[in-house]
Amino acid sequence: MNYISEVIGCGGYLPSRILTNQELAQRIDTSDSWIVERTGIHQRHIAEVGQLTSDLAVEAAKRALDQAGLKADQIDCVLVATTTPDHLFPATAARVQAKLGAVHAFAFDVQAVCSGFVYGLAVADNFLRLNQAKTALVIGAETMSRLLDWQDRTTCVLFGDGAGAVVLKATPAAMSGAKKQSGVLSTHLFSDGRHYNALYVDDTAADKVGRGVVRMQGREIFKSAVDKIGQAVQVALDQHHLTASDIDWFVPHQANQRIIMGVCERFSIPPEKMVLTIDRHSNTSAASIPLAMDTAVRDGRIQKGQLVLIEAMGGGLTWGSALIRW
């Protein structure tokens, strides 16, 4: 029997501390108007001292499990996409598994930076399609604030902390293709290590716990983003003989509003079909897509039966997309 991964629950969590552009302008040479014009960001959430990536992940996971109507011990796989693990090892997913009580699950991390959730979804989807698991919890969780040079206005204004999660369940696949089938219809992953130094953590600037700070070649990233994201979107559409007009909702990685609008223009996507949370959440790396999906599900925009296309690009470079019928 063939299986497909159906999304049966989603959840999100943001730390209570909000850092506004006005507050940042008191620390560094910037302004609210400068940040908004270049990024679309008005504020970001910042984890409290002692609040770990796993803590954010657990809260998002609980909400996703509650929406799915499942207990943690019914989950077969816990996968955490993060670039800010609690420790270098063991995997943050193992800590999340323990905190949730997902005693029957195997657990591991995926690291593809801002593309991490798309990569994690693809990995979990393959487990379910091959009947190696019946249920999976896929989480994107980040405490990016701890990787920032707060004197570098080109990076510190961009990022925030948060977590988002989805619960997947293996269901028998229909034979009628993308027109009828619910679930993850396809995933598409790419990378190009030749651009490794365009976005990375500078370990020579490591703090007392051994963490470096984000360094970014902003122009190169911006130049690459629309092209590579466009590639990932087009591949997903072509595989299912669809056009952009067939998609009900585009849920992009929330990196920069200008990049998102560039993708809109390339595919003639009406802005009202884009789920945008960057103004409130900023760039939460691997957490941004599941946080945005959760927002759109809970406010009623994303409805059962609709086609949802997600896409992301991150350091590595990595990029990818996934097409989901809700």
C-alpha atoms as a PDB file:
ATOM      1  CA  MET A   1       0.000   0.000   0.000  1.00  0.00           C
ATOM      2  CA  ASN A   2       1.170   3.526  -0.779  1.00  0.00           C
ATOM      3  CA  TYR A   3       1.040   6.181   1.929  1.00  0.00           C
ATOM      4  CA  ILE A   4       1.036   9.949   2.071  1.00  0.00           C
ATOM      5  CA  SER A   5       1.745  12.310   4.980  1.00  0.00           C
ATOM      6  CA  GLU A   6      -1.344  14.222   6.079  1.00  0.00           C
ATOM      7  CA  VAL A   7      -0.972  17.357   8.222  1.00  0.00           C
ATOM      8  CA  ILE A   8      -3.354  16.834  11.156  1.00  0.00           C
ATOM      9  CA  GLY A   9      -2.162  19.529  13.569  1.00  0.00           C
ATOM     10  CA  CYS A  10       0.005  22.612  13.848  1.00  0.00           C
ATOM     11  CA  GLY A  11       1.177  24.852  16.654  1.00  0.00           C
ATOM     12  CA  GLY A  12       3.375  27.839  17.318  1.00  0.00           C
ATOM     13  CA  TYR A  13       5.059  29.549  20.226  1.00  0.00           C
ATOM     14  CA  LEU A  14       6.733  32.940  20.627  1.00  0.00           C
ATOM     15  CA  PRO A  15       8.570  34.169  23.738  1.00  0.00           C
ATOM     16  CA  SER A  16       6.718  36.884  25.610  1.00  0.00           C
ATOM     17  CA  ARG A  17       9.546  39.440  25.378  1.00  0.00           C
ATOM     18  CA  ILE A  18       9.088  41.765  22.378  1.00  0.00           C
ATOM     19  CA  LEU A  19      11.939  43.917  21.089  1.00  0.00           C
ATOM     20  CA  THR A  20      10.695  46.782  18.910  1.00  0.00           C
ATOM     21  CA  ASN A  21      12.552  48.706  16.239  1.00  0.00           C
ATOM     22  CA  GLN A  22      12.363  51.784  18.447  1.00  0.00           C
ATOM     23  CA  GLU A  23      14.216  49.955  21.222  1.00  0.00           C
ATOM     24  CA  LEU A  24      16.899  48.825  18.771  1.00  0.00           C
ATOM     25  CA  ALA A  25      17.299  52.406  17.581  1.00  0.00           C
ATOM     26  CA  GLN A  26      18.352  53.332  21.112  1.00  0.00           C
ATOM     27  CA  ARG A  27      21.212  50.787  20.959  1.00  0.00           C
ATOM     28  CA  ILE A  28      22.566  51.108  17.420  1.00  0.00           C
ATOM     29  CA  ASP A  29      22.604  53.525  14.488  1.00  0.00           C
ATOM     30  CA  THR A  30      19.248  52.639  12.945  1.00  0.00           C
ATOM     31  CA  SER A  31      15.621  53.708  12.951  1.00  0.00           C
ATOM     32  CA  ASP A  32      12.172  52.173  12.708  1.00  0.00           C
ATOM     33  CA  SER A  33      11.710  53.592   9.206  1.00  0.00           C
ATOM     34  CA  TRP A  34      15.117  52.251   8.026  1.00  0.00           C
ATOM     35  CA  ILE A  35      14.328  48.728   9.234  1.00  0.00           C
ATOM     36  CA  VAL A  36      10.753  48.670   7.939  1.00  0.00           C
ATOM     37  CA  GLU A  37      11.714  50.018   4.517  1.00  0.00           C
ATOM     38  CA  ARG A  38      14.448  47.422   3.990  1.00  0.00           C
ATOM     39  CA  THR A  39      12.902  44.366   5.682  1.00  0.00           C
ATOM     40  CA  GLY A  40       9.242  44.868   6.586  1.00  0.00           C
ATOM     41  CA  ILE A  41      10.038  44.055  10.222  1.00  0.00           C
ATOM     42  CA  HIS A  42       8.478  46.074  13.063  1.00  0.00           C
ATOM     43  CA  GLN A  43       9.366  43.862  16.030  1.00  0.00           C
ATOM     44  CA  ARG A  44      10.807  40.499  17.059  1.00  0.00           C
ATOM     45  CA  HIS A  45      10.399  38.121  20.013  1.00  0.00           C
ATOM     46  CA  ILE A  46      13.413  37.371  22.215  1.00  0.00           C
ATOM     47  CA  ALA A  47      13.830  34.349  24.478  1.00  0.00           C
ATOM     48  CA  GLU A  48      14.363  35.009  28.168  1.00  0.00           C
ATOM     49  CA  VAL A  49      17.657  34.193  29.881  1.00  0.00           C
ATOM     50  CA  GLY A  50      17.600  30.462  30.540  1.00  0.00           C
ATOM     51  CA  GLN A  51      14.813  29.818  28.016  1.00  0.00           C
ATOM     52  CA  LEU A  52      16.227  27.203  25.638  1.00  0.00           C
ATOM     53  CA  THR A  53      15.424  26.267  22.066  1.00  0.00           C
ATOM     54  CA  SER A  54      13.928  23.026  23.396  1.00  0.00           C
ATOM     55  CA  ASP A  55      11.600  25.015  25.670  1.00  0.00           C
ATOM     56  CA  LEU A  56      10.180  26.889  22.682  1.00  0.00           C
ATOM     57  CA  ALA A  57       9.938  23.661  20.680  1.00  0.00           C
ATOM     58  CA  VAL A  58       8.023  21.863  23.435  1.00  0.00           C
ATOM     59  CA  GLU A  59       5.417  24.618  23.698  1.00  0.00           C
ATOM     60  CA  ALA A  60       4.816  24.643  19.933  1.00  0.00           C
ATOM     61  CA  ALA A  61       4.687  20.832  19.901  1.00  0.00           C
ATOM     62  CA  LYS A  62       2.091  20.709  22.675  1.00  0.00           C
ATOM     63  CA  ARG A  63      -0.193  23.004  20.712  1.00  0.00           C
ATOM     64  CA  ALA A  64       0.242  20.974  17.530  1.00  0.00           C
ATOM     65  CA  LEU A  65      -0.482  17.715  19.366  1.00  0.00           C
ATOM     66  CA  ASP A  66      -3.558  19.247  20.972  1.00  0.00           C
ATOM     67  CA  GLN A  67      -4.922  20.324  17.589  1.00  0.00           C
ATOM     68  CA  ALA A  68      -4.145  16.864  16.184  1.00  0.00           C
ATOM     69  CA  GLY A  69      -5.930  15.157  19.070  1.00  0.00           C
ATOM     70  CA  LEU A  70      -2.901  12.979  19.821  1.00  0.00           C
ATOM     71  CA  LYS A  71      -0.895  12.241  22.953  1.00  0.00           C
ATOM     72  CA  ALA A  72       2.881  12.482  22.840  1.00  0.00           C
ATOM     73  CA  ASP A  73       3.262   8.720  23.335  1.00  0.00           C
ATOM     74  CA  GLN A  74       1.414   8.193  20.016  1.00  0.00           C
ATOM     75  CA  ILE A  75       4.224   9.873  18.061  1.00  0.00           C
ATOM     76  CA  ASP A  76       6.760   7.668  16.246  1.00  0.00           C
ATOM     77  CA  CYS A  77       9.262  10.338  15.175  1.00  0.00           C
ATOM     78  CA  VAL A  78      10.328  13.670  16.684  1.00  0.00           C
ATOM     79  CA  LEU A  79      12.365  15.825  14.318  1.00  0.00           C
ATOM     80  CA  VAL A  80      13.677  19.261  15.281  1.00  0.00           C
ATOM     81  CA  ALA A  81      14.994  21.614  12.613  1.00  0.00           C
ATOM     82  CA  THR A  82      17.299  24.111  14.323  1.00  0.00           C
ATOM     83  CA  THR A  83      20.573  25.953  13.949  1.00  0.00           C
ATOM     84  CA  THR A  84      20.579  26.929  17.636  1.00  0.00           C
ATOM     85  CA  PRO A  85      20.551  23.617  19.534  1.00  0.00           C
ATOM     86  CA  ASP A  86      20.584  23.510  23.320  1.00  0.00           C
ATOM     87  CA  HIS A  87      24.014  21.835  23.108  1.00  0.00           C
ATOM     88  CA  LEU A  88      26.320  20.667  20.350  1.00  0.00           C
ATOM     89  CA  PHE A  89      25.144  17.194  21.343  1.00  0.00           C
ATOM     90  CA  PRO A  90      22.972  15.312  22.141  1.00  0.00           C
ATOM     91  CA  ALA A  91      20.296  16.394  19.673  1.00  0.00           C
ATOM     92  CA  THR A  92      17.793  18.957  20.896  1.00  0.00           C
ATOM     93  CA  ALA A  93      15.099  16.589  19.592  1.00  0.00           C
ATOM     94  CA  ALA A  94      16.055  14.078  22.272  1.00  0.00           C
ATOM     95  CA  ARG A  95      15.422  16.681  24.975  1.00  0.00           C
ATOM     96  CA  VAL A  96      12.113  17.620  23.346  1.00  0.00           C
ATOM     97  CA  GLN A  97      11.120  13.953  23.206  1.00  0.00           C
ATOM     98  CA  ALA A  98      11.809  13.573  26.921  1.00  0.00           C
ATOM     99  CA  LYS A  99      10.003  16.766  27.923  1.00  0.00           C
ATOM    100  CA  LEU A 100       6.938  15.773  25.917  1.00  0.00           C
ATOM    101  CA  GLY A 101       6.933  12.146  27.045  1.00  0.00           C
ATOM    102  CA  ALA A 102       7.095  10.825  23.477  1.00  0.00           C
ATOM    103  CA  VAL A 103       8.495   7.567  24.811  1.00  0.00           C
ATOM    104  CA  HIS A 104       7.903   5.519  21.655  1.00  0.00           C
ATOM    105  CA  ALA A 105       9.508   7.980  19.221  1.00  0.00           C
ATOM    106  CA  PHE A 106      12.960   8.138  17.703  1.00  0.00           C
ATOM    107  CA  ALA A 107      14.345  11.665  17.718  1.00  0.00           C
ATOM    108  CA  PHE A 108      17.006  13.647  15.865  1.00  0.00           C
ATOM    109  CA  ASP A 109      17.861  17.135  14.595  1.00  0.00           C
ATOM    110  CA  VAL A 110      18.096  18.521  11.067  1.00  0.00           C
ATOM    111  CA  GLN A 111      20.370  21.493  10.307  1.00  0.00           C
ATOM    112  CA  ALA A 112      19.697  23.447   7.122  1.00  0.00           C
ATOM    113  CA  VAL A 113      19.391  26.889   8.766  1.00  0.00           C
ATOM    114  CA  CYS A 114      16.403  28.817   7.359  1.00  0.00           C
ATOM    115  CA  SER A 115      15.503  25.922   5.044  1.00  0.00           C
ATOM    116  CA  GLY A 116      15.478  23.560   8.012  1.00  0.00           C
ATOM    117  CA  PHE A 117      11.722  23.114   8.294  1.00  0.00           C
ATOM    118  CA  VAL A 118      11.357  22.269   4.591  1.00  0.00           C
ATOM    119  CA  TYR A 119      14.223  19.777   4.901  1.00  0.00           C
ATOM    120  CA  GLY A 120      12.725  18.317   8.080  1.00  0.00           C
ATOM    121  CA  LEU A 121       9.310  17.980   6.485  1.00  0.00           C
ATOM    122  CA  ALA A 122      10.881  16.139   3.545  1.00  0.00           C
ATOM    123  CA  VAL A 123      12.711  13.703   5.853  1.00  0.00           C
ATOM    124  CA  ALA A 124       9.632  12.975   7.949  1.00  0.00           C
ATOM    125  CA  ASP A 125       7.471  12.635   4.844  1.00  0.00           C
ATOM    126  CA  ASN A 126       9.780   9.931   3.511  1.00  0.00           C
ATOM    127  CA  PHE A 127       9.580   7.950   6.768  1.00  0.00           C
ATOM    128  CA  LEU A 128       5.794   7.997   6.566  1.00  0.00           C
ATOM    129  CA  ARG A 129       5.612   7.235   2.855  1.00  0.00           C
ATOM    130  CA  LEU A 130       7.844   4.185   3.368  1.00  0.00           C
ATOM    131  CA  ASN A 131       5.699   3.032   6.315  1.00  0.00           C
ATOM    132  CA  GLN A 132       8.683   3.302   8.678  1.00  0.00           C
ATOM    133  CA  ALA A 133       6.561   5.504  10.957  1.00  0.00           C
ATOM    134  CA  LYS A 134       2.854   6.207  11.315  1.00  0.00           C
ATOM    135  CA  THR A 135       3.090   9.633  12.948  1.00  0.00           C
ATOM    136  CA  ALA A 136       5.739  12.346  13.032  1.00  0.00           C
ATOM    137  CA  LEU A 137       6.218  15.612  14.890  1.00  0.00           C
ATOM    138  CA  VAL A 138       8.241  18.111  12.836  1.00  0.00           C
ATOM    139  CA  ILE A 139       9.381  21.223  14.680  1.00  0.00           C
ATOM    140  CA  GLY A 140      11.292  24.303  13.611  1.00  0.00           C
ATOM    141  CA  ALA A 141      12.708  26.063  16.669  1.00  0.00           C
ATOM    142  CA  GLU A 142      15.304  28.799  17.045  1.00  0.00           C
ATOM    143  CA  THR A 143      16.873  31.181  19.545  1.00  0.00           C
ATOM    144  CA  MET A 144      18.637  33.227  16.885  1.00  0.00           C
ATOM    145  CA  SER A 145      19.047  36.174  19.257  1.00  0.00           C
ATOM    146  CA  ARG A 146      21.963  34.317  20.830  1.00  0.00           C
ATOM    147  CA  LEU A 147      23.888  34.263  17.543  1.00  0.00           C
ATOM    148  CA  LEU A 148      23.726  37.998  16.889  1.00  0.00           C
ATOM    149  CA  ASP A 149      26.264  40.774  17.045  1.00  0.00           C
ATOM    150  CA  TRP A 150      24.042  43.459  18.541  1.00  0.00           C
ATOM    151  CA  GLN A 151      26.329  46.171  17.139  1.00  0.00           C
ATOM    152  CA  ASP A 152      25.903  44.939  13.547  1.00  0.00           C
ATOM    153  CA  ARG A 153      22.756  46.589  12.251  1.00  0.00           C
ATOM    154  CA  THR A 154      22.824  44.589   9.009  1.00  0.00           C
ATOM    155  CA  THR A 155      22.056  41.378  10.921  1.00  0.00           C
ATOM    156  CA  CYS A 156      20.737  42.106  14.405  1.00  0.00           C
ATOM    157  CA  VAL A 157      17.600  43.821  13.101  1.00  0.00           C
ATOM    158  CA  LEU A 158      16.601  40.763  11.073  1.00  0.00           C
ATOM    159  CA  PHE A 159      16.252  37.863  13.470  1.00  0.00           C
ATOM    160  CA  GLY A 160      14.057  36.737  16.337  1.00  0.00           C
ATOM    161  CA  ASP A 161      13.183  33.657  18.391  1.00  0.00           C
ATOM    162  CA  GLY A 162      10.272  31.244  18.163  1.00  0.00           C
ATOM    163  CA  ALA A 163       9.064  27.756  17.310  1.00  0.00           C
ATOM    164  CA  GLY A 164       6.464  26.146  15.080  1.00  0.00           C
ATOM    165  CA  ALA A 165       5.409  22.529  14.719  1.00  0.00           C
ATOM    166  CA  VAL A 166       3.257  20.215  12.612  1.00  0.00           C
ATOM    167  CA  VAL A 167       1.986  16.710  13.267  1.00  0.00           C
ATOM    168  CA  LEU A 168       1.986  14.358  10.287  1.00  0.00           C
ATOM    169  CA  LYS A 169       0.034  11.106  10.003  1.00  0.00           C
ATOM    170  CA  ALA A 170       0.524   8.406   7.369  1.00  0.00           C
ATOM    171  CA  THR A 171      -2.706   7.786   5.461  1.00  0.00           C
ATOM    172  CA  PRO A 172      -3.371   5.549   2.446  1.00  0.00           C
ATOM    173  CA  ALA A 173      -2.673   7.423  -0.770  1.00  0.00           C
ATOM    174  CA  ALA A 174      -5.509   8.040  -3.209  1.00  0.00           C
ATOM    175  CA  MET A 175      -4.995   7.229  -6.870  1.00  0.00           C
ATOM    176  CA  SER A 176      -6.317  10.510  -8.247  1.00  0.00           C
ATOM    177  CA  GLY A 177      -3.221  12.679  -7.884  1.00  0.00           C
ATOM    178  CA  ALA A 178      -2.821  16.271  -6.691  1.00  0.00           C
ATOM    179  CA  LYS A 179      -6.354  17.263  -7.713  1.00  0.00           C
ATOM    180  CA  LYS A 180      -7.893  15.213  -4.882  1.00  0.00           C
ATOM    181  CA  GLN A 181      -5.190  13.864  -2.558  1.00  0.00           C
ATOM    182  CA  SER A 182      -4.710  15.552   0.814  1.00  0.00           C
ATOM    183  CA  GLY A 183      -1.314  15.738   2.511  1.00  0.00           C
ATOM    184  CA  VAL A 184       2.261  16.470   1.504  1.00  0.00           C
ATOM    185  CA  LEU A 185       2.127  16.042  -2.266  1.00  0.00           C
ATOM    186  CA  SER A 186       5.856  16.589  -2.893  1.00  0.00           C
ATOM    187  CA  THR A 187       9.030  18.100  -1.460  1.00  0.00           C
ATOM    188  CA  HIS A 188      11.980  19.562  -3.372  1.00  0.00           C
ATOM    189  CA  LEU A 189      15.410  20.197  -1.848  1.00  0.00           C
ATOM    190  CA  PHE A 190      18.497  21.977  -3.205  1.00  0.00           C
ATOM    191  CA  SER A 191      21.891  23.174  -2.006  1.00  0.00           C
ATOM    192  CA  ASP A 192      25.014  24.875  -3.342  1.00  0.00           C
ATOM    193  CA  GLY A 193      28.013  24.902  -1.016  1.00  0.00           C
ATOM    194  CA  ARG A 194      29.913  27.259  -3.298  1.00  0.00           C
ATOM    195  CA  HIS A 195      28.051  30.068  -1.496  1.00  0.00           C
ATOM    196  CA  TYR A 196      28.986  28.774   1.967  1.00  0.00           C
ATOM    197  CA  ASN A 197      30.467  32.097   3.077  1.00  0.00           C
ATOM    198  CA  ALA A 198      27.475  34.199   2.072  1.00  0.00           C
ATOM    199  CA  LEU A 199      25.716  33.460   5.377  1.00  0.00           C
ATOM    200  CA  TYR A 200      27.487  31.770   8.272  1.00  0.00           C
ATOM    201  CA  VAL A 201      28.393  31.946  11.957  1.00  0.00           C
ATOM    202  CA  ASP A 202      31.803  33.463  12.612  1.00  0.00           C
ATOM    203  CA  ASP A 203      33.340  31.150  15.215  1.00  0.00           C
ATOM    204  CA  THR A 204      36.353  33.452  15.646  1.00  0.00           C
ATOM    205  CA  ALA A 205      33.947  35.790  17.430  1.00  0.00           C
ATOM    206  CA  ALA A 206      32.718  33.077  19.801  1.00  0.00           C
ATOM    207  CA  ASP A 207      31.356  34.152  23.160  1.00  0.00           C
ATOM    208  CA  LYS A 208      32.114  32.526  26.485  1.00  0.00           C
ATOM    209  CA  VAL A 209      29.906  29.508  25.721  1.00  0.00           C
ATOM    210  CA  GLY A 210      31.542  28.945  22.361  1.00  0.00           C
ATOM    211  CA  ARG A 211      28.925  30.454  20.085  1.00  0.00           C
ATOM    212  CA  GLY A 212      29.895  32.790  17.275  1.00  0.00           C
ATOM    213  CA  VAL A 213      27.817  35.471  15.575  1.00  0.00           C
ATOM    214  CA  VAL A 214      25.954  35.663  12.280  1.00  0.00           C
ATOM    215  CA  ARG A 215      27.826  37.145   9.331  1.00  0.00           C
ATOM    216  CA  MET A 216      26.013  37.826   6.089  1.00  0.00           C
ATOM    217  CA  GLN A 217      26.840  39.105   2.629  1.00  0.00           C
ATOM    218  CA  GLY A 218      23.489  40.808   2.284  1.00  0.00           C
ATOM    219  CA  ARG A 219      23.675  41.746  -1.389  1.00  0.00           C
ATOM    220  CA  GLU A 220      24.649  38.226  -2.465  1.00  0.00           C
ATOM    221  CA  ILE A 221      21.883  36.683  -0.371  1.00  0.00           C
ATOM    222  CA  PHE A 222      19.290  39.083  -1.744  1.00  0.00           C
ATOM    223  CA  LYS A 223      20.474  38.526  -5.305  1.00  0.00           C
ATOM    224  CA  SER A 224      20.322  34.732  -4.939  1.00  0.00           C
ATOM    225  CA  ALA A 225      17.084  34.518  -2.996  1.00  0.00           C
ATOM    226  CA  VAL A 226      14.446  35.370  -5.591  1.00  0.00           C
ATOM    227  CA  ASP A 227      16.156  33.240  -8.238  1.00  0.00           C
ATOM    228  CA  LYS A 228      16.629  30.157  -6.081  1.00  0.00           C
ATOM    229  CA  ILE A 229      13.254  30.394  -4.358  1.00  0.00           C
ATOM    230  CA  GLY A 230      11.708  30.858  -7.790  1.00  0.00           C
ATOM    231  CA  GLN A 231      13.418  27.663  -8.931  1.00  0.00           C
ATOM    232  CA  ALA A 232      11.999  25.720  -5.990  1.00  0.00           C
ATOM    233  CA  VAL A 233       8.498  27.088  -6.569  1.00  0.00           C
ATOM    234  CA  GLN A 234       8.593  26.317 -10.293  1.00  0.00           C
ATOM    235  CA  VAL A 235       9.745  22.723  -9.759  1.00  0.00           C
ATOM    236  CA  ALA A 236       6.867  22.089  -7.368  1.00  0.00           C
ATOM    237  CA  LEU A 237       4.342  23.566  -9.771  1.00  0.00           C
ATOM    238  CA  ASP A 238       5.736  21.695 -12.781  1.00  0.00           C
ATOM    239  CA  GLN A 239       5.678  18.310 -11.031  1.00  0.00           C
ATOM    240  CA  HIS A 240       1.931  18.587 -10.565  1.00  0.00           C
ATOM    241  CA  HIS A 241       1.136  20.431 -13.814  1.00  0.00           C
ATOM    242  CA  LEU A 242      -0.042  23.480 -11.906  1.00  0.00           C
ATOM    243  CA  THR A 243       0.390  27.220 -12.261  1.00  0.00           C
ATOM    244  CA  ALA A 244       0.777  29.769  -9.488  1.00  0.00           C
ATOM    245  CA  SER A 245      -2.890  30.684  -9.887  1.00  0.00           C
ATOM    246  CA  ASP A 246      -3.851  27.153  -8.775  1.00  0.00           C
ATOM    247  CA  ILE A 247      -2.256  27.691  -5.352  1.00  0.00           C
ATOM    248  CA  ASP A 248      -4.538  28.943  -2.580  1.00  0.00           C
ATOM    249  CA  TRP A 249      -1.816  30.044  -0.158  1.00  0.00           C
ATOM    250  CA  PHE A 250       1.906  30.694  -0.454  1.00  0.00           C
ATOM    251  CA  VAL A 251       3.685  30.427   2.904  1.00  0.00           C
ATOM    252  CA  PRO A 252       7.252  31.662   2.382  1.00  0.00           C
ATOM    253  CA  HIS A 253      10.167  31.707   4.753  1.00  0.00           C
ATOM    254  CA  GLN A 254       9.877  35.078   6.461  1.00  0.00           C
ATOM    255  CA  ALA A 255      13.348  36.417   5.665  1.00  0.00           C
ATOM    256  CA  ASN A 256      12.750  39.806   4.074  1.00  0.00           C
ATOM    257  CA  GLN A 257       9.554  41.356   2.764  1.00  0.00           C
ATOM    258  CA  ARG A 258      11.287  42.638  -0.369  1.00  0.00           C
ATOM    259  CA  ILE A 259      12.389  39.092  -1.246  1.00  0.00           C
ATOM    260  CA  ILE A 260       8.859  37.799  -0.679  1.00  0.00           C
ATOM    261  CA  MET A 261       7.395  40.539  -2.894  1.00  0.00           C
ATOM    262  CA  GLY A 262      10.005  39.730  -5.539  1.00  0.00           C
ATOM    263  CA  VAL A 263       8.701  36.164  -5.688  1.00  0.00           C
ATOM    264  CA  CYS A 264       5.139  37.536  -5.894  1.00  0.00           C
ATOM    265  CA  GLU A 265       6.085  39.631  -8.914  1.00  0.00           C
ATOM    266  CA  ARG A 266       7.943  36.809 -10.633  1.00  0.00           C
ATOM    267  CA  PHE A 267       4.920  34.494 -10.506  1.00  0.00           C
ATOM    268  CA  SER A 268       2.195  37.166 -10.629  1.00  0.00           C
ATOM    269  CA  ILE A 269       0.986  36.069  -7.205  1.00  0.00           C
ATOM    270  CA  PRO A 270      -1.512  38.461  -5.598  1.00  0.00           C
ATOM    271  CA  PRO A 271       0.002  39.670  -2.304  1.00  0.00           C
ATOM    272  CA  GLU A 272      -3.203  38.671  -0.523  1.00  0.00           C
ATOM    273  CA  LYS A 273      -2.341  35.010  -1.252  1.00  0.00           C
ATOM    274  CA  MET A 274       0.920  35.356   0.691  1.00  0.00           C
ATOM    275  CA  VAL A 275       0.931  34.571   4.404  1.00  0.00           C
ATOM    276  CA  LEU A 276       3.127  37.272   5.925  1.00  0.00           C
ATOM    277  CA  THR A 277       4.205  37.345   9.564  1.00  0.00           C
ATOM    278  CA  ILE A 278       7.620  38.964   9.187  1.00  0.00           C
ATOM    279  CA  ASP A 279       6.340  42.282  10.499  1.00  0.00           C
ATOM    280  CA  ARG A 280       5.589  40.713  13.910  1.00  0.00           C
ATOM    281  CA  HIS A 281       7.874  37.670  14.036  1.00  0.00           C
ATOM    282  CA  SER A 282      10.942  38.860  12.060  1.00  0.00           C
ATOM    283  CA  ASN A 283      13.176  36.105  10.630  1.00  0.00           C
ATOM    284  CA  THR A 284      12.946  33.121  12.967  1.00  0.00           C
ATOM    285  CA  SER A 285      14.973  30.887  10.636  1.00  0.00           C
ATOM    286  CA  ALA A 286      13.672  27.280  10.670  1.00  0.00           C
ATOM    287  CA  ALA A 287      10.683  28.335  12.782  1.00  0.00           C
ATOM    288  CA  SER A 288       9.309  30.931  10.378  1.00  0.00           C
ATOM    289  CA  ILE A 289       7.288  28.704   8.026  1.00  0.00           C
ATOM    290  CA  PRO A 290       5.529  26.584  10.674  1.00  0.00           C
ATOM    291  CA  LEU A 291       4.832  29.732  12.712  1.00  0.00           C
ATOM    292  CA  ALA A 292       3.268  31.375   9.658  1.00  0.00           C
ATOM    293  CA  MET A 293       1.254  28.260   8.803  1.00  0.00           C
ATOM    294  CA  ASP A 294      -0.043  28.038  12.351  1.00  0.00           C
ATOM    295  CA  THR A 295      -1.057  31.705  12.236  1.00  0.00           C
ATOM    296  CA  ALA A 296      -2.994  31.231   8.983  1.00  0.00           C
ATOM    297  CA  VAL A 297      -4.682  28.024  10.149  1.00  0.00           C
ATOM    298  CA  ARG A 298      -5.809  29.503  13.444  1.00  0.00           C
ATOM    299  CA  ASP A 299      -7.134  32.729  11.921  1.00  0.00           C
ATOM    300  CA  GLY A 300      -9.136  30.709   9.392  1.00  0.00           C
ATOM    301  CA  ARG A 301      -7.310  31.549   6.187  1.00  0.00           C
ATOM    302  CA  ILE A 302      -5.970  28.069   5.440  1.00  0.00           C
ATOM    303  CA  GLN A 303      -8.921  25.705   5.019  1.00  0.00           C
ATOM    304  CA  LYS A 304      -9.215  21.969   4.454  1.00  0.00           C
ATOM    305  CA  GLY A 305      -8.787  21.026   0.804  1.00  0.00           C
ATOM    306  CA  GLN A 306      -6.722  24.082  -0.122  1.00  0.00           C
ATOM    307  CA  LEU A 307      -3.319  23.923  -1.822  1.00  0.00           C
ATOM    308  CA  VAL A 308      -0.488  25.419   0.230  1.00  0.00           C
ATOM    309  CA  LEU A 309       3.010  25.965  -1.168  1.00  0.00           C
ATOM    310  CA  ILE A 310       5.896  26.586   1.215  1.00  0.00           C
ATOM    311  CA  GLU A 311       9.412  27.662   0.270  1.00  0.00           C
ATOM    312  CA  ALA A 312      12.645  28.760   1.926  1.00  0.00           C
ATOM    313  CA  MET A 313      16.291  29.614   1.357  1.00  0.00           C
ATOM    314  CA  GLY A 314      19.008  29.587   3.997  1.00  0.00           C
ATOM    315  CA  GLY A 315      22.714  29.363   4.639  1.00  0.00           C
ATOM    316  CA  GLY A 316      24.698  26.698   2.880  1.00  0.00           C
ATOM    317  CA  LEU A 317      23.209  27.765   0.565  1.00  0.00           C
ATOM    318  CA  THR A 318      20.150  25.568   0.976  1.00  0.00           C
ATOM    319  CA  TRP A 319      16.704  26.046  -0.484  1.00  0.00           C
ATOM    320  CA  GLY A 320      13.550  24.074  -1.130  1.00  0.00           C
ATOM    321  CA  SER A 321       9.782  23.879  -1.392  1.00  0.00           C
ATOM    322  CA  ALA A 322       6.879  21.620  -0.555  1.00  0.00           C
ATOM    323  CA  LEU A 323       3.340  21.401  -1.876  1.00  0.00           C
ATOM    324  CA  ILE A 324       0.643  20.442   0.624  1.00  0.00           C
ATOM    325  CA  ARG A 325      -3.078  19.941   0.217  1.00  0.00           C
ATOM    326  CA  TRP A 326      -4.511  20.787   3.615  1.00  0.00           C
END
